[in-house]
């Protein structure tokens, strides 16, 4: 999910669990916390690449892009 820029809310809605449960799992399960850190790196890379890919695109909605960061 990180490769597509998925956020915590989207992940929680998919399972489905509450966001507070998600963060409890981060604190309780080291492997889950590690997977989340990896997810964050993949998600960040996705959004950076999307911006780079659209630098010259006049139709790219930079305001919406900025909100995703």
Protein backbone atom coordinates (compact mmCIF):
# COMPACT_ATOMS: atom_id res chain seq x y z
CA UNK A 1 0.00 0.00 0.00
CA UNK A 2 2.91 2.33 0.59
CA UNK A 3 3.92 2.08 -3.05
CA UNK A 4 0.66 3.80 -3.98
CA UNK A 5 0.91 6.55 -1.36
CA UNK A 6 -1.69 5.06 0.96
CA UNK A 7 -2.16 6.84 4.28
CA UNK A 8 -3.00 5.42 7.73
CA UNK A 9 -6.71 6.24 7.35
CA UNK A 10 -6.92 4.35 4.05
CA UNK A 11 -5.10 1.36 5.52
CA UNK A 12 -7.36 1.28 8.58
CA UNK A 13 -10.49 1.54 6.42
CA UNK A 14 -9.29 -1.40 4.31
CA UNK A 15 -8.81 -3.82 7.23
CA UNK A 16 -11.12 -2.31 8.93
CA UNK A 17 -9.77 -1.10 12.26
CA UNK A 18 -9.84 2.19 14.14
CA UNK A 19 -6.83 4.50 13.88
CA UNK A 20 -6.26 4.24 17.64
CA UNK A 21 -5.99 0.45 17.25
CA UNK A 22 -3.43 0.97 14.51
CA UNK A 23 -1.28 3.15 16.75
CA UNK A 24 -1.68 0.70 19.65
CA UNK A 25 -0.32 -2.01 17.36
CA UNK A 26 2.64 0.25 16.46
CA UNK A 27 3.49 0.47 20.17
CA UNK A 28 2.80 -3.18 20.95
CA UNK A 29 4.26 -5.07 17.97
CA UNK A 30 7.83 -4.23 16.87
CA UNK A 31 7.45 -6.02 13.53
CA UNK A 32 4.31 -4.03 12.77
CA UNK A 33 6.13 -0.82 13.68
CA UNK A 34 9.00 -1.75 11.35
CA UNK A 35 6.57 -2.52 8.52
CA UNK A 36 4.97 0.88 9.10
CA UNK A 37 8.33 2.65 8.85
CA UNK A 38 9.00 0.86 5.56
CA UNK A 39 5.52 1.78 4.37
CA UNK A 40 6.18 5.44 5.19
CA UNK A 41 9.38 5.43 3.14
CA UNK A 42 7.61 3.81 0.18
CA UNK A 43 4.70 6.23 0.42
CA UNK A 44 7.00 9.25 0.58
CA UNK A 45 8.91 7.98 -2.45
CA UNK A 46 5.63 7.57 -4.34
CA UNK A 47 4.57 11.18 -3.72
CA UNK A 48 8.01 12.57 -4.53
CA UNK A 49 8.10 10.65 -7.81
CA UNK A 50 4.59 11.79 -8.71
CA UNK A 51 5.68 15.41 -8.27
CA UNK A 52 8.81 14.87 -10.35
CA UNK A 53 6.86 13.15 -13.10
CA UNK A 54 4.52 16.13 -13.39
CA UNK A 55 6.91 19.08 -13.15
CA UNK A 56 6.18 20.18 -16.70
CA UNK A 57 2.52 19.18 -16.79
CA UNK A 58 0.29 22.28 -16.94
CA UNK A 59 -2.76 20.17 -16.02
CA UNK A 60 -1.18 18.82 -12.84
CA UNK A 61 -3.06 20.03 -9.79
CA UNK A 62 -0.18 21.20 -7.59
CA UNK A 63 -2.53 22.36 -4.82
CA UNK A 64 -4.04 18.90 -4.43
CA UNK A 65 -0.60 17.34 -4.67
CA UNK A 66 0.64 19.57 -1.86
CA UNK A 67 -2.25 18.45 0.36
CA UNK A 68 -1.12 14.83 -0.03
CA UNK A 69 2.36 15.50 1.31
